[in-house]
Protein backbone atom coordinates (compact mmCIF):
# COMPACT_ATOMS: atom_id res chain seq x y z
CA MET A 1 13.83 -3.46 -11.12
CA SER A 2 14.44 -3.37 -7.39
CA GLU A 3 15.63 -0.25 -5.63
CA ALA A 4 19.40 0.08 -5.26
CA VAL A 5 20.69 -0.11 -1.70
CA THR A 6 23.26 2.47 -0.69
CA THR A 7 25.43 2.45 2.42
CA ARG A 8 26.55 5.09 4.87
CA ARG A 9 29.16 5.20 7.61
CA LEU A 10 28.25 7.22 10.68
CA VAL A 11 30.50 7.89 13.66
CA VAL A 12 28.31 7.58 16.75
CA GLY A 13 29.71 7.68 20.27
CA GLY A 14 33.19 7.04 18.93
CA LEU A 15 32.01 3.97 16.98
CA THR A 16 31.53 3.66 13.24
CA LEU A 17 28.07 2.36 12.38
CA HIS A 18 27.16 0.80 9.04
CA VAL A 19 23.76 1.95 7.72
CA ARG A 20 21.99 0.67 4.58
CA ALA A 21 19.45 2.91 2.86
CA VAL A 22 16.86 2.39 0.13
CA GLY A 23 13.86 4.29 -1.23
CA GLU A 24 12.42 7.78 -0.98
CA GLY A 25 9.78 9.31 1.24
CA GLN A 26 9.29 9.79 4.94
CA PRO A 27 12.05 8.14 6.99
CA ALA A 28 11.70 4.72 8.57
CA VAL A 29 14.46 3.08 10.60
CA LEU A 30 14.49 -0.73 10.65
CA VAL A 31 16.13 -2.37 13.68
CA HIS A 32 17.36 -5.97 13.65
CA GLY A 33 17.09 -8.60 16.36
CA PHE A 34 19.39 -10.74 18.51
CA GLY A 35 22.81 -11.63 17.11
CA VAL A 36 22.06 -10.76 13.50
CA SER A 37 22.91 -7.79 11.32
CA GLY A 38 20.46 -5.55 9.52
CA GLN A 39 20.94 -7.57 6.32
CA TYR A 40 17.82 -9.66 6.93
CA MET A 41 15.71 -6.48 7.22
CA LEU A 42 16.45 -5.54 3.60
CA PRO A 43 13.54 -7.46 1.99
CA LEU A 44 11.16 -5.39 4.11
CA ALA A 45 13.14 -2.20 3.46
CA ARG A 46 12.82 -2.77 -0.29
CA ALA A 47 9.10 -3.50 0.06
CA LEU A 48 8.69 -0.17 1.89
CA SER A 49 10.87 1.81 -0.50
CA GLY A 50 7.98 3.02 -2.65
CA ARG A 51 6.66 5.15 0.20
CA PHE A 52 9.50 5.37 2.73
CA ALA A 53 13.18 6.17 2.82
CA ALA A 54 14.17 3.04 4.75
CA PHE A 55 17.38 3.05 6.80
CA VAL A 56 18.78 -0.18 8.22
CA PRO A 57 21.63 0.24 10.74
CA ASP A 58 23.83 -2.50 12.12
CA LEU A 59 23.79 -1.87 15.87
CA PRO A 60 27.22 -1.59 17.58
CA GLY A 61 29.11 -4.87 17.47
CA HIS A 62 26.78 -6.34 14.87
CA GLY A 63 27.38 -6.89 11.18
CA ARG A 64 29.73 -4.31 9.70
CA SER A 65 29.51 -1.84 12.58
CA ALA A 66 32.42 -1.40 14.95
CA LYS A 67 32.59 -3.36 18.19
CA PRO A 68 32.41 -1.43 21.47
CA SER A 69 34.99 -2.09 24.15
CA ALA A 70 32.34 -4.03 26.11
CA PRO A 71 29.06 -5.53 24.84
CA LEU A 72 26.11 -3.17 25.11
CA GLY A 73 22.88 -4.18 26.81
CA ILE A 74 19.39 -3.14 25.76
CA ARG A 75 19.76 0.36 27.20
CA GLY A 76 23.16 0.90 25.57
CA LEU A 77 21.91 -0.31 22.20
CA ALA A 78 18.91 2.03 22.51
CA ASP A 79 21.18 4.98 23.24
CA ALA A 80 23.33 4.10 20.22
CA LEU A 81 20.21 3.89 18.05
CA GLY A 82 19.08 7.31 19.29
CA ASP A 83 22.48 8.77 18.44
CA CYS A 84 22.28 7.15 14.99
CA ILE A 85 18.86 8.71 14.36
CA ALA A 86 20.18 12.11 15.46
CA ALA A 87 23.22 11.74 13.18
CA LEU A 88 20.91 10.97 10.26
CA GLY A 89 19.05 14.20 11.05
CA PHE A 90 15.66 12.59 11.60
CA GLU A 91 12.94 13.82 13.92
CA ARG A 92 10.59 11.10 15.18
CA PRO A 93 10.97 8.64 12.28
CA THR A 94 8.86 5.51 12.07
CA LEU A 95 10.71 2.71 13.89
CA VAL A 96 10.27 -0.86 12.65
CA ALA A 97 11.86 -3.57 14.78
CA ASN A 98 12.02 -7.34 15.04
CA SER A 99 12.50 -9.50 18.14
CA LEU A 100 15.16 -8.02 20.44
CA GLY A 101 15.04 -4.90 18.30
CA CYS A 102 11.56 -4.31 19.78
CA GLN A 103 13.14 -4.13 23.24
CA VAL A 104 15.65 -1.62 21.90
CA VAL A 105 13.12 0.71 20.22
CA THR A 106 10.67 0.63 23.15
CA SER A 107 13.49 1.56 25.51
CA LEU A 108 14.36 4.44 23.20
CA ALA A 109 10.72 5.54 22.86
CA VAL A 110 10.23 5.78 26.63
CA ARG A 111 13.49 7.51 27.53
CA HIS A 112 13.93 9.63 24.40
CA PRO A 113 10.47 10.07 22.81
CA GLU A 114 11.81 12.82 20.55
CA CYS A 115 13.69 10.10 18.63
CA ALA A 116 10.70 7.87 17.96
CA GLY A 117 7.61 8.28 15.83
CA ALA A 118 5.15 5.45 15.23
CA LEU A 119 6.42 2.02 16.31
CA VAL A 120 6.08 -1.29 14.47
CA LEU A 121 6.98 -4.23 16.73
CA ILE A 122 7.41 -7.48 14.79
CA GLY A 123 7.60 -10.50 17.09
CA PRO A 124 8.40 -8.50 20.27
CA THR A 125 10.46 -10.28 22.92
CA VAL A 126 10.75 -11.38 25.68
CA ASP A 127 7.49 -13.02 26.79
CA PRO A 128 7.58 -12.93 30.63
CA ALA A 129 6.10 -16.45 30.69
CA ARG A 130 9.14 -17.68 28.74
CA ARG A 131 11.83 -15.57 30.38
CA SER A 132 14.46 -18.26 30.85
CA ALA A 133 17.46 -19.33 28.78
CA PRO A 134 16.31 -22.95 28.28
CA ARG A 135 12.88 -21.84 27.06
CA GLN A 136 14.39 -19.34 24.65
CA VAL A 137 16.87 -21.90 23.29
CA PHE A 138 14.09 -24.44 22.78
CA ALA A 139 11.92 -21.83 21.07
CA GLY A 140 14.83 -20.88 18.83
CA LEU A 141 15.36 -24.48 17.76
CA ARG A 142 11.66 -24.90 16.99
CA ASP A 143 11.51 -21.69 15.03
CA SER A 144 14.69 -22.40 13.04
CA VAL A 145 13.02 -25.29 11.21
CA ARG A 146 10.24 -22.92 10.11
CA GLU A 147 12.53 -20.17 8.83
CA PRO A 148 14.03 -20.15 5.31
CA TRP A 149 17.47 -21.72 5.09
CA SER A 150 18.87 -18.43 3.78
CA LEU A 151 17.90 -16.71 7.03
CA VAL A 152 19.28 -19.51 9.21
CA ALA A 153 22.60 -19.30 7.34
CA ARG A 154 22.63 -15.51 7.68
CA ALA A 155 22.01 -15.73 11.42
CA ALA A 156 24.81 -18.26 11.86
CA HIS A 157 27.23 -16.01 9.99
CA ASP A 158 26.22 -12.90 11.94
CA ASP A 159 26.41 -14.75 15.28
CA ALA A 160 30.01 -15.65 14.47
CA VAL A 161 30.78 -12.02 13.67
CA LEU A 162 29.32 -10.82 16.96
CA GLY A 163 31.18 -13.49 18.93
CA PRO A 164 30.19 -15.73 21.88
CA ARG A 165 31.04 -13.19 24.58
CA ALA A 166 28.82 -10.49 23.12
CA LEU A 167 26.08 -13.02 22.30
CA LEU A 168 25.96 -14.19 25.90
CA ALA A 169 25.99 -10.65 27.31
CA THR A 170 23.24 -9.54 24.95
CA ALA A 171 21.12 -12.59 25.78
CA ARG A 172 21.45 -11.90 29.51
CA SER A 173 20.44 -8.28 29.03
CA ALA A 174 17.43 -9.28 26.92
CA LEU A 175 16.21 -11.81 29.49
CA ALA A 176 16.62 -9.30 32.31
CA ASP A 177 14.73 -6.57 30.44
CA PRO A 178 11.11 -6.18 31.66
CA ILE A 179 9.60 -4.80 28.46
CA GLU A 180 6.08 -5.30 29.84
CA GLU A 181 6.70 -2.61 32.46
CA ARG A 182 7.41 0.16 29.94
CA LEU A 183 4.83 -0.69 27.28
CA PRO A 184 2.08 1.29 29.12
CA LEU A 185 4.41 4.33 29.11
CA ILE A 186 4.77 4.47 25.33
CA GLU A 187 2.90 7.41 23.86
CA GLN A 188 3.57 6.62 20.21
CA PRO A 189 0.97 4.81 18.06
CA SER A 190 2.17 1.21 17.84
CA LEU A 191 1.52 -1.73 15.54
CA VAL A 192 2.33 -5.25 16.77
CA VAL A 193 2.91 -7.88 14.06
CA ARG A 194 3.08 -11.62 14.78
CA GLY A 195 3.65 -14.59 12.50
CA GLY A 196 0.99 -17.21 13.21
CA ARG A 197 3.64 -19.93 13.70
CA ASP A 198 6.06 -17.84 15.77
CA SER A 199 7.67 -20.09 18.39
CA PHE A 200 9.16 -17.15 20.30
CA VAL A 201 6.02 -15.05 20.61
CA ALA A 202 2.85 -16.81 21.75
CA SER A 203 -0.48 -15.41 20.61
CA GLU A 204 -1.35 -14.57 24.23
CA TRP A 205 1.81 -12.50 24.62
CA ALA A 206 1.29 -10.65 21.32
CA GLU A 207 -2.26 -9.78 22.39
CA ARG A 208 -1.00 -8.62 25.77
CA VAL A 209 1.64 -6.40 24.17
CA ALA A 210 -0.99 -4.71 22.01
CA ALA A 211 -3.29 -4.29 25.02
CA LEU A 212 -0.54 -2.80 27.22
CA LEU A 213 0.34 -0.20 24.59
CA PRO A 214 -1.95 2.83 25.05
CA LEU A 215 -2.26 3.19 21.25
CA GLY A 216 -1.56 -0.40 20.26
CA ARG A 217 -3.05 -2.72 17.69
CA LEU A 218 -2.23 -6.23 16.49
CA VAL A 219 -1.87 -7.91 13.10
CA VAL A 220 -1.33 -11.67 12.80
CA VAL A 221 -0.01 -13.21 9.57
CA PRO A 222 -1.14 -16.86 9.58
CA GLY A 223 1.30 -19.61 8.76
CA GLU A 224 4.45 -17.48 9.11
CA PRO A 225 7.40 -17.79 11.54
CA HIS A 226 9.15 -15.31 13.84
CA ALA A 227 10.82 -13.42 10.98
CA VAL A 228 7.53 -12.78 9.17
CA HIS A 229 8.97 -9.57 7.74
CA TYR A 230 11.55 -11.74 5.92
CA THR A 231 9.17 -14.44 4.68
CA ARG A 232 6.31 -12.07 3.75
CA PRO A 233 7.80 -8.57 3.38
CA ASP A 234 5.03 -7.58 0.98
CA VAL A 235 2.28 -8.30 3.51
CA VAL A 236 4.11 -6.65 6.40
CA ALA A 237 4.95 -3.60 4.29
CA GLU A 238 1.29 -3.18 3.33
CA ALA A 239 0.24 -3.34 6.98
CA ILE A 240 2.89 -0.76 7.92
CA GLU A 241 1.94 1.59 5.10
CA ASP A 242 -1.74 1.48 5.97
CA PHE A 243 -1.00 1.96 9.68
CA VAL A 244 1.28 4.97 9.14
CA LEU A 245 -1.11 6.52 6.61
CA GLU A 246 -4.02 6.27 9.04
CA GLU A 247 -1.97 7.73 11.89
CA ARG A 248 -0.89 10.66 9.74
CA VAL A 249 -4.48 11.38 8.73
CA GLN A 250 -5.69 11.19 12.33
CA ALA A 251 -2.80 13.36 13.55
CA ALA A 252 -3.85 15.98 11.01
CA GLY A 253 -7.34 15.95 12.49
CA GLU A 254 -8.98 14.67 9.33
CA PRO A 255 -11.70 12.00 9.40
CA VAL A 256 -10.68 8.54 8.31
CA ARG A 257 -12.86 7.23 5.47
CA ASN A 258 -12.30 3.82 3.93
CA LEU A 259 -8.58 3.70 4.52
CA PRO A 260 -7.35 0.26 3.45
CA HIS A 261 -6.03 -2.05 6.12
CA GLY A 262 -3.36 -4.67 5.52
CA HIS A 263 -4.67 -7.95 4.13
CA VAL A 264 -2.86 -11.01 5.44
CA ALA A 265 -2.70 -14.39 3.80
CA ALA A 266 -1.45 -17.82 4.76
CA ARG A 267 1.21 -19.37 2.60
CA GLN A 268 -1.11 -22.24 1.74
CA GLU A 269 -4.85 -22.65 2.01
CA ASP A 270 -4.62 -25.51 4.52
CA GLU A 271 -2.47 -23.32 6.80
CA LEU A 272 -5.17 -20.66 6.65
CA ARG A 273 -7.75 -23.12 7.88
CA THR A 274 -5.62 -24.22 10.82
CA GLU A 275 -5.16 -20.58 11.85
CA GLN A 276 -8.84 -19.63 11.81
CA GLY A 277 -9.16 -20.18 15.55
CA SER A 278 -6.66 -17.33 15.87
CA VAL A 279 -7.75 -14.92 13.16
CA PRO A 280 -5.63 -12.00 11.98
CA LEU A 281 -6.34 -9.02 14.16
CA LEU A 282 -6.15 -5.30 13.72
CA GLY A 283 -7.28 -3.42 16.80
CA GLU A 284 -8.75 -0.02 16.13
CA ARG A 285 -6.60 2.71 17.62
CA ARG A 286 -9.21 4.02 20.04
CA ARG A 287 -10.84 0.74 21.00
CA ARG A 288 -9.54 -2.46 22.51
CA GLN A 289 -11.83 -4.74 20.53
CA PRO A 290 -9.83 -6.28 17.67
CA VAL A 291 -11.16 -6.28 14.14
CA PRO A 292 -10.66 -9.44 12.00
CA LEU A 293 -8.87 -8.92 8.72
CA ALA A 294 -9.74 -10.98 5.69
CA PRO A 295 -6.83 -12.62 3.83
CA ASP A 296 -5.86 -11.29 0.42
CA GLU A 297 -7.49 -13.74 -1.94
CA GLN A 298 -5.06 -12.90 -4.70
CA SER A 299 -1.99 -13.83 -2.64
CA GLY A 300 -2.93 -17.40 -1.86
CA GLY A 301 -4.56 -18.34 -5.15
CA ALA A 302 -7.94 -19.07 -3.53
CA ASN A 303 -11.19 -17.49 -4.63
CA ARG A 304 -13.51 -15.36 -2.52
CA SER A 305 -15.86 -18.20 -1.67
CA GLU A 306 -13.02 -20.31 -0.28
CA LEU A 307 -11.68 -17.55 1.94
CA GLY A 308 -14.98 -16.19 3.21
CA PRO A 309 -16.29 -12.65 3.10
CA GLN A 310 -14.08 -9.60 3.24
CA VAL A 311 -14.29 -7.50 6.39
CA SER A 312 -13.77 -3.77 6.07
CA VAL A 313 -13.34 -1.16 8.77
């Protein structure tokens, strides 16, 4: 039986924010992307609920949260998120974000580090090489055919709730936001997650994000689109749990021995083969050289000989 999702209403900066919550354990705050509400973060929140108390806010103007008098840019959304975290009474919770949400949480982490613990950046935007409206629109169209219909329908509904004026203002703020300039300033351990078929986030950009982060590492899930946390919440949750566990052990000054890393798997075996030129990566915290991760042979139905040898760290 899946964990029950509860809801809270918080008054932050004069606005009422809608927050979903599920699970028990150390707190993790999940931050949605452009135009959508936090609803599509719930599969991942449920997958994390065995080890985390996962909280999923709708940022101001999105979903069921109140609309501000004027649309908020990246900085304003980050400030609202920081106020939400303070209202929840958390100190440096794990922050898990997708797409534009990555811009929001990195802005918060740099300007208010007391609000941010470890970061998980799933499909971080915006790639400087693609920082134009036509390129982003084209990438969105390409990615939409790879996403589940349920997510496309959810995004269309949430876009309508936000409204065209706020959508346009948010898009302009996202395109004008130089995330690459603040990544080297982030002190928190950070995990970058990319779907292998993400049209928004090229493999080169994902690798650059992980390299720019002082304590960054990268995981690639072959065969999955931009919203990999929605299509494969189990795989992403495992990667997050292993990452946070290792960081907690290292922060306590204890040696790390045989801690499991997240195993990633393509949806189908033929997709796995096409992705082998760009293998899943997990960079060790204190080294830049990435470590290849073997797929989970039990997820894709293939045996060990078909998938190749396991690689352990």
